Protein backbone atom coordinates (compact mmCIF):
# COMPACT_ATOMS: atom_id res chain seq x y z
CA MET A 1 11.28 18.11 3.35
CA LEU A 2 10.60 21.75 3.41
CA SER A 3 7.46 23.04 5.58
CA ILE A 4 6.29 26.08 3.21
CA THR A 5 3.98 26.69 6.18
CA ASN A 6 6.14 27.10 8.79
CA LEU A 7 8.26 29.25 6.90
CA LEU A 8 5.91 31.42 5.41
CA CYS A 9 3.34 31.75 8.28
CA ASP A 10 4.85 30.81 11.13
CA GLN A 11 2.73 27.98 11.95
CA ALA A 12 3.57 25.28 13.86
CA ALA A 13 2.87 21.29 13.05
CA GLY A 14 4.58 19.77 15.91
CA SER A 15 7.31 18.24 13.77
CA GLU A 16 9.99 20.73 14.13
CA ASP A 17 12.27 19.14 16.26
CA LEU A 18 13.00 16.54 13.20
CA ARG A 19 13.60 19.41 10.78
CA TYR A 20 15.66 22.04 12.14
CA GLY A 21 18.19 20.49 14.30
CA HIS A 22 20.67 18.52 12.10
CA THR A 23 23.69 20.84 11.65
CA ALA A 24 23.51 21.53 15.43
CA ALA A 25 23.53 17.28 16.00
CA ALA A 26 26.09 16.77 13.38
CA ALA A 27 28.78 18.91 15.92
CA GLY A 28 27.49 16.88 19.41
CA ALA A 29 29.83 14.45 20.85
CA ASP A 30 28.41 11.37 18.99
CA ALA A 31 28.13 12.55 15.40
CA THR A 32 26.39 9.71 14.06
CA PRO A 33 23.22 11.29 12.63
CA ARG A 34 20.12 9.28 13.49
CA PRO A 35 18.17 9.30 9.88
CA VAL A 36 14.18 8.75 9.99
CA VAL A 37 13.97 5.42 8.10
CA VAL A 38 11.92 4.77 4.98
CA TRP A 39 11.42 0.95 5.46
CA ALA A 40 9.61 -0.55 2.31
CA ILE A 41 8.30 -3.65 3.89
CA THR A 42 7.36 -5.62 0.53
CA GLN A 43 7.74 -4.73 -3.11
CA ALA A 44 4.36 -5.87 -4.06
CA CYS A 45 1.66 -3.33 -4.90
CA ASN A 46 -1.86 -3.42 -5.79
CA LEU A 47 -1.27 -0.48 -8.38
CA ARG A 48 1.18 0.12 -11.17
CA CYS A 49 1.91 3.78 -10.85
CA VAL A 50 3.81 5.39 -13.93
CA HIS A 51 6.16 7.27 -11.44
CA CYS A 52 6.79 4.87 -8.81
CA TYR A 53 10.48 5.26 -7.47
CA ALA A 54 10.46 1.15 -5.97
CA SER A 55 9.49 -0.06 -9.47
CA ALA A 56 6.82 -2.00 -7.43
CA SER A 57 5.65 -4.94 -8.84
CA ALA A 58 2.26 -7.52 -8.65
CA ALA A 59 4.67 -10.00 -6.67
CA PRO A 60 6.67 -9.33 -3.28
CA ALA A 61 10.38 -9.95 -4.02
CA PRO A 62 12.10 -13.31 -3.47
CA ASN A 63 13.64 -13.72 0.27
CA GLU A 64 11.46 -10.45 1.49
CA LEU A 65 12.58 -9.99 5.29
CA SER A 66 10.47 -12.39 7.47
CA HIS A 67 8.50 -11.02 10.75
CA ASP A 68 10.79 -12.15 12.99
CA GLU A 69 13.28 -10.41 10.85
CA GLY A 70 11.50 -7.13 10.51
CA ARG A 71 10.79 -7.20 14.40
CA ALA A 72 14.70 -8.03 14.81
CA LEU A 73 15.12 -4.67 12.58
CA LEU A 74 12.83 -2.39 14.74
CA ASP A 75 14.65 -3.39 18.09
CA ASP A 76 17.84 -2.41 16.59
CA LEU A 77 16.16 1.17 14.84
CA GLN A 78 15.01 1.64 18.75
CA THR A 79 18.00 0.87 20.41
CA PHE A 80 19.63 3.28 17.74
CA LYS A 81 16.97 5.93 18.79
CA VAL A 82 16.19 6.60 15.36
CA PRO A 83 13.67 9.58 15.43
CA ALA A 84 10.92 7.90 13.23
CA VAL A 85 10.39 4.91 10.98
CA LEU A 86 8.09 5.28 7.56
CA PHE A 87 6.54 1.97 6.60
CA SER A 88 6.49 2.16 3.00
CA GLY A 89 6.75 -0.45 -0.24
CA GLY A 90 5.28 -1.34 -2.80
CA GLU A 91 2.20 -0.87 -1.07
CA PRO A 92 2.69 -1.70 2.67
CA LEU A 93 -0.80 -3.16 3.48
CA VAL A 94 -0.47 -5.65 1.19
CA ARG A 95 1.91 -7.73 3.36
CA PRO A 96 -0.25 -9.57 6.01
CA ASP A 97 1.56 -8.33 9.00
CA CYS A 98 2.14 -5.05 8.11
CA VAL A 99 0.01 -3.64 11.01
CA ASP A 100 1.02 -6.38 13.46
CA LEU A 101 4.92 -4.82 12.50
CA ILE A 102 3.58 -1.26 13.29
CA ALA A 103 1.82 -2.20 16.61
CA TYR A 104 5.19 -3.96 17.54
CA ALA A 105 7.14 -0.77 16.66
CA ARG A 106 4.81 1.33 18.57
CA GLN A 107 5.15 -1.39 21.79
CA ILE A 108 9.28 -0.46 21.45
CA GLY A 109 8.72 3.27 21.72
CA LEU A 110 9.06 4.15 17.66
CA ARG A 111 7.49 6.99 16.33
CA CYS A 112 5.70 5.63 13.29
CA THR A 113 3.86 6.46 9.85
CA LEU A 114 2.51 4.75 7.18
CA SER A 115 2.62 5.48 3.53
CA THR A 116 -0.30 3.88 1.51
CA ASN A 117 -2.18 4.21 -1.96
CA GLY A 118 -5.13 3.76 0.80
CA LEU A 119 -6.46 1.13 -1.39
CA LEU A 120 -7.19 -1.47 1.44
CA ILE A 121 -8.11 0.99 3.79
CA ASP A 122 -11.85 -0.51 4.79
CA ASP A 123 -13.57 0.35 7.92
CA ALA A 124 -11.98 -2.60 9.62
CA MET A 125 -8.60 -1.80 8.34
CA ALA A 126 -9.01 1.67 9.81
CA ASP A 127 -9.95 0.56 12.94
CA ARG A 128 -7.10 -1.75 13.53
CA LEU A 129 -4.32 1.36 12.26
CA ALA A 130 -6.02 3.69 14.85
CA GLU A 131 -6.09 1.03 17.75
CA VAL A 132 -2.21 0.84 17.06
CA ALA A 133 -2.06 4.44 17.59
CA LEU A 134 -0.72 5.17 14.13
CA GLN A 135 0.92 8.82 14.42
CA TYR A 136 0.50 9.64 10.62
CA ILE A 137 -0.60 8.38 7.37
CA GLY A 138 0.28 9.71 3.77
CA ILE A 139 -1.63 8.54 1.13
CA SER A 140 -0.96 9.30 -2.20
CA LEU A 141 -3.22 11.48 -4.82
CA ASP A 142 -2.11 11.74 -8.29
CA GLY A 143 -4.64 14.58 -9.29
CA THR A 144 -8.32 14.74 -10.02
CA GLN A 145 -10.52 11.58 -10.79
CA GLU A 146 -9.70 11.16 -14.20
CA ARG A 147 -6.01 12.13 -13.86
CA HIS A 148 -5.31 9.77 -10.89
CA ASP A 149 -6.89 7.04 -12.21
CA ARG A 150 -4.96 7.09 -15.48
CA LEU A 151 -1.57 7.83 -13.77
CA ARG A 152 -2.01 5.13 -11.47
CA GLY A 153 -3.85 2.72 -13.99
CA GLN A 154 -7.00 1.49 -12.18
CA LEU A 155 -10.44 3.11 -13.06
CA GLY A 156 -11.93 3.87 -9.43
CA ALA A 157 -8.73 4.29 -7.53
CA PHE A 158 -8.93 7.91 -6.88
CA ASP A 159 -12.55 7.00 -5.42
CA THR A 160 -11.44 4.19 -3.42
CA SER A 161 -8.06 6.40 -1.81
CA LEU A 162 -10.65 9.09 -0.59
CA ALA A 163 -12.40 6.78 0.85
CA GLY A 164 -9.68 5.60 2.57
CA ILE A 165 -8.55 9.08 3.49
CA ASN A 166 -12.08 9.90 4.94
CA ARG A 167 -12.12 6.69 7.54
CA CYS A 168 -8.94 7.63 9.04
CA VAL A 169 -9.51 11.35 9.17
CA LYS A 170 -12.98 10.07 11.17
CA ARG A 171 -10.99 7.81 13.83
CA GLY A 172 -8.76 10.66 14.63
CA ILE A 173 -5.21 9.48 12.78
CA LYS A 174 -3.27 12.48 11.15
CA VAL A 175 -3.89 12.25 7.42
CA GLY A 176 -1.43 13.67 4.55
CA VAL A 177 -2.22 13.89 1.04
CA ARG A 178 1.19 13.67 -1.59
CA PHE A 179 1.02 14.75 -4.33
CA THR A 180 4.02 14.01 -6.86
CA ILE A 181 3.73 17.21 -9.62
CA HIS A 182 4.93 16.77 -13.45
CA ALA A 183 3.29 18.30 -16.49
CA MET A 184 1.14 15.44 -16.85
CA ASN A 185 -0.87 16.39 -13.61
CA HIS A 186 0.20 20.36 -12.85
CA GLN A 187 -3.02 21.79 -13.24
CA ASP A 188 -4.50 19.77 -10.44
CA LEU A 189 -2.64 21.49 -8.14
CA GLU A 190 -5.02 24.37 -6.94
CA PRO A 191 -8.37 21.08 -6.96
CA ILE A 192 -5.55 18.86 -4.75
CA PHE A 193 -5.76 21.93 -2.23
CA ASP A 194 -9.25 22.27 -2.45
CA ILE A 195 -9.47 18.17 -2.13
CA CYS A 196 -7.78 18.69 1.33
CA LEU A 197 -9.75 21.55 2.41
CA ALA A 198 -12.94 19.25 1.88
CA HIS A 199 -12.03 15.88 3.67
CA GLY A 200 -10.12 17.55 6.75
CA VAL A 201 -6.64 16.57 5.32
CA GLN A 202 -4.10 18.12 7.64
CA ARG A 203 -0.88 18.23 5.57
CA LEU A 204 -0.04 18.10 1.69
CA CYS A 205 3.24 17.35 0.85
CA ILE A 206 3.92 18.27 -3.00
CA TYR A 207 6.67 16.07 -4.39
CA HIS A 208 9.11 17.04 -7.17
CA LEU A 209 9.67 14.31 -9.51
CA ALA A 210 12.70 12.28 -8.62
CA TYR A 211 14.16 10.40 -11.27
CA ALA A 212 14.19 6.71 -9.82
CA GLY A 213 12.60 3.37 -10.46
CA ARG A 214 9.60 3.85 -13.33
CA ALA A 215 9.85 7.56 -12.80
CA GLY A 216 13.36 7.48 -14.25
CA HIS A 217 11.67 7.46 -17.82
CA MET A 218 9.85 10.36 -16.66
CA GLN A 219 12.39 13.24 -17.20
CA LYS A 220 10.81 14.44 -19.99
CA VAL A 221 7.67 15.10 -18.56
CA ASP A 222 9.37 16.72 -15.86
CA LEU A 223 8.60 20.56 -15.28
CA SER A 224 10.98 23.14 -16.30
CA GLY A 225 12.93 25.57 -14.26
CA PRO A 226 10.56 28.07 -15.28
CA GLN A 227 7.46 25.94 -14.70
CA THR A 228 8.81 24.99 -11.47
CA ARG A 229 9.02 28.38 -10.08
CA LEU A 230 5.27 29.18 -11.46
CA VAL A 231 4.51 26.29 -9.25
CA MET A 232 6.10 27.49 -6.04
CA ASP A 233 4.57 30.78 -6.79
CA ARG A 234 1.08 29.13 -7.10
CA ILE A 235 2.11 27.13 -3.61
CA PHE A 236 3.92 30.31 -2.06
CA SER A 237 0.16 32.12 -2.62
CA ARG A 238 -2.20 29.47 -1.54
CA THR A 239 -0.37 28.35 1.70
CA ARG A 240 -0.45 31.89 2.50
CA GLN A 241 -4.14 33.01 1.40
CA LEU A 242 -5.27 29.57 3.77
CA HIS A 243 -3.50 30.69 6.71
CA ALA A 244 -4.89 34.32 6.67
CA GLU A 245 -8.27 32.14 6.21
CA GLY A 246 -7.79 30.37 9.44
CA HIS A 247 -7.10 26.87 7.59
CA LYS A 248 -4.13 24.96 9.61
CA LEU A 249 -3.28 22.73 6.74
CA GLU A 250 0.35 22.31 6.87
CA VAL A 251 1.67 22.48 3.18
CA LEU A 252 5.17 21.13 2.40
CA THR A 253 7.23 20.51 -0.76
CA VAL A 254 9.47 17.33 -0.99
CA ALA A 255 13.10 16.34 -2.84
CA ASN A 256 13.91 19.59 -4.35
CA HIS A 257 15.92 21.63 -1.85
CA ALA A 258 16.14 24.19 -4.63
CA ASP A 259 12.85 25.14 -3.14
CA ALA A 260 14.49 26.29 0.25
CA ALA A 261 16.78 28.78 -1.82
CA TYR A 262 13.21 30.24 -4.00
CA LEU A 263 11.43 30.83 -0.38
CA LEU A 264 14.48 32.97 0.89
CA LEU A 265 14.94 34.63 -2.15
CA HIS A 266 10.96 35.24 -2.62
CA LEU A 267 11.24 36.29 1.29
CA GLN A 268 13.95 38.81 0.41
CA ALA A 269 12.16 40.51 -1.45
CA ILE A 270 9.35 41.05 0.50
CA ASP A 271 10.07 40.49 4.08
CA TRP A 272 13.60 41.11 5.55
CA PRO A 273 12.64 40.13 9.07
CA ARG A 274 10.93 36.85 7.90
CA ALA A 275 13.53 35.85 5.18
CA ALA A 276 15.91 36.23 8.57
CA LEU A 277 14.07 33.90 10.65
CA ALA A 278 13.61 31.59 8.21
CA GLN A 279 17.58 31.66 6.80
CA GLN A 280 18.26 30.87 10.24
CA ARG A 281 15.74 28.16 10.34
CA LEU A 282 17.11 26.58 7.03
CA LEU A 283 20.71 26.59 7.71
CA GLY A 284 19.49 24.13 10.99
CA THR A 285 18.41 21.44 8.35
CA GLY A 286 21.61 21.65 6.67
CA GLY A 287 20.11 20.68 3.11
CA ASN A 288 19.70 17.52 1.70
CA ARG A 289 20.31 14.81 4.46
CA SER A 290 20.62 11.62 2.18
CA GLY A 291 22.99 9.34 3.89
CA CYS A 292 22.65 11.44 7.26
CA ASN A 293 19.05 12.23 8.18
CA ILE A 294 17.22 9.70 6.05
CA ALA A 295 17.70 6.47 5.16
CA SER A 296 15.95 3.55 3.21
CA ILE A 297 15.57 -0.11 3.83
CA ASP A 298 14.16 -1.93 1.36
CA SER A 299 11.86 -5.10 1.61
CA VAL A 300 14.98 -7.85 1.27
CA GLY A 301 17.27 -5.91 3.80
CA CYS A 302 19.20 -3.91 1.62
CA VAL A 303 20.39 -0.09 2.79
CA HIS A 304 20.24 2.61 1.07
CA TYR A 305 21.14 6.57 1.73
CA ASP A 306 17.32 7.21 0.76
CA GLN A 307 13.84 6.39 -0.57
CA PHE A 308 14.98 7.39 -4.15
CA SER A 309 18.63 5.38 -4.17
CA TRP A 310 17.15 1.84 -4.28
CA HIS A 311 20.14 1.29 -7.60
CA TYR A 312 22.73 1.73 -5.08
CA THR A 313 23.37 -0.35 -1.73
CA CYS A 314 25.12 0.25 0.98
CA GLY A 315 24.99 -2.80 2.67
CA ASN A 316 22.41 -5.50 3.88
CA ILE A 317 20.96 -5.92 7.86
CA ARG A 318 21.34 -9.78 7.10
CA GLN A 319 25.17 -9.20 7.46
CA SER A 320 25.21 -6.11 9.32
CA SER A 321 22.83 -4.28 11.53
CA PHE A 322 21.19 -1.27 10.20
CA SER A 323 23.19 0.73 13.39
CA GLN A 324 26.14 -0.76 12.69
CA ILE A 325 26.26 0.12 8.54
CA TRP A 326 24.92 3.81 9.36
CA THR A 327 27.80 4.43 11.97
CA THR A 328 30.59 3.00 10.37
CA ALA A 329 29.73 4.44 6.99
CA ALA A 330 32.30 2.43 5.47
CA ASP A 331 30.07 2.60 2.28
CA GLU A 332 32.07 5.50 -0.22
CA ARG A 333 28.74 7.16 -0.92
CA LEU A 334 27.97 7.04 2.75
CA ALA A 335 31.00 8.37 3.41
CA ILE A 336 31.13 11.38 1.15
CA LEU A 337 27.03 12.20 1.81
CA ARG A 338 28.08 13.02 5.31
CA ASN A 339 30.80 15.42 4.18
CA ARG A 340 30.03 16.25 0.19
CA ALA A 341 30.35 19.77 -0.43
CA GLY A 342 34.22 19.38 -1.31
CA HIS A 343 32.72 16.61 -4.01
CA LEU A 344 30.15 18.14 -5.31
CA PRO A 345 30.26 20.23 -8.92
CA PRO A 346 31.75 23.36 -9.43
CA ARG A 347 28.37 25.26 -9.78
CA CYS A 348 27.26 23.55 -6.52
CA GLN A 349 30.55 24.45 -4.65
CA SER A 350 30.36 28.15 -5.30
CA CYS A 351 26.49 28.51 -4.47
CA ARG A 352 25.77 30.49 -1.68
CA PHE A 353 23.01 28.62 -1.13
CA LEU A 354 25.30 25.48 -0.57
CA PRO A 355 24.36 25.23 3.37
CA ILE A 356 20.84 25.38 2.82
CA CYS A 357 20.39 23.06 -0.09
CA ASN A 358 23.45 20.77 0.10
CA GLY A 359 23.69 19.72 -3.47
CA ASN A 360 20.49 18.88 -3.83
CA LEU A 361 19.39 15.08 -4.89
CA ARG A 362 22.30 13.26 -5.73
CA THR A 363 19.37 10.78 -7.78
CA ARG A 364 18.09 12.87 -9.70
CA ALA A 365 21.69 13.82 -10.52
CA GLU A 366 23.22 10.44 -11.38
CA ALA A 367 19.94 9.64 -13.66
CA ALA A 368 20.49 12.70 -15.44
CA THR A 369 24.56 12.90 -16.30
CA GLY A 370 25.49 9.37 -15.28
CA ASN A 371 27.63 10.88 -12.33
CA TRP A 372 26.43 10.69 -8.89
CA LEU A 373 28.21 13.87 -8.31
CA GLY A 374 26.99 15.64 -10.94
CA GLU A 375 24.52 19.00 -11.40
CA ASP A 376 20.93 18.19 -10.47
CA PRO A 377 18.76 19.26 -12.81
CA GLY A 378 16.26 19.82 -10.51
CA CYS A 379 18.02 22.96 -9.67
CA TYR A 380 15.94 26.17 -11.23
CA LEU A 381 17.79 28.88 -9.80
CA THR A 382 19.78 31.24 -12.05
CA ASN A 383 23.58 31.75 -12.26
CA ASP A 384 22.88 35.79 -11.04
CA GLU A 385 20.98 34.20 -8.00
CA ILE A 386 23.27 31.56 -6.75
CA THR A 387 26.25 34.37 -6.92
CA ALA A 388 24.57 37.14 -5.92
CA ALA A 389 25.64 37.83 -2.25
CA VAL A 390 26.58 35.76 0.88
CA VAL A 391 23.78 34.35 3.05
């Protein structure tokens, strides 16, 4: 995640410790990275979104992890000292013991967040989430009412999700809206900002399209490079405006580390001191952290190098613990991802922004080129921009 608010406006949100210390940690005595773990507790979902990277279905996957296996996994993650666990799916709240698992994770000291479509957050569910001290909940909106309902495949989905947002805000749970932007909904970017402001949302995460799951069939509706640049300009402008007006909405972009380079270029053109500060922070992130500081576990215990890489398995926690899989990095891809620079395509290796991008999203590169170490088409920087000078 790239915090536009922090880098453009120096606004802190309290999660900077998860974002800027990766390269320093990698140089420490124990070089095994501790990842934020995205655990998809079920494949079942009550929607069928066109861009679902998990290819969720109406029913759970066969042989999903049991409640006891889930608790054992959480124990391992706590002992391994992962910084956070994100409960996801499918739709995690479809699973009857979802809140019980969150409660157990909180009981043993894990930092917990929840990713949901919000449809099942009635008053009783909102009360339960508040009672277990859930620290953050991300609820997806794909645009304004008509567009959201069409992309989610259900009439009334927008209103129900918005009601879920309101219930969580009312109970003091930190809420973020997740908006995946592409050619079919980019015109709703400004209204999404407005919705966040009107409903007391504290964070807006704007996702670029990842070519995974059902979204693998959406490459033709992804934004072009010039369109992406225009979108980023709009995000920069609106973020600055909100900060100047005293709004505390945190704005982030997700799943495209070319954004870091584009933001740095933007600052270098208008504010050199702030550009230098942003560069220092971005170097601390190390760029894309798939296989390093981000990991995913699916509903049957398969470990993946990020939440978009369900097509490739690095191991299964029923055979080896997550901590062992992550520490040994015996899987070939996992090992390469820890030190990937020399394996990336020539354009990446020669790019002056490699230290703050790290080759971008490998799943998108694989979907587009057939080569997981190929060029990510999500990079919208020009050849002149990536070779102009040394960062």
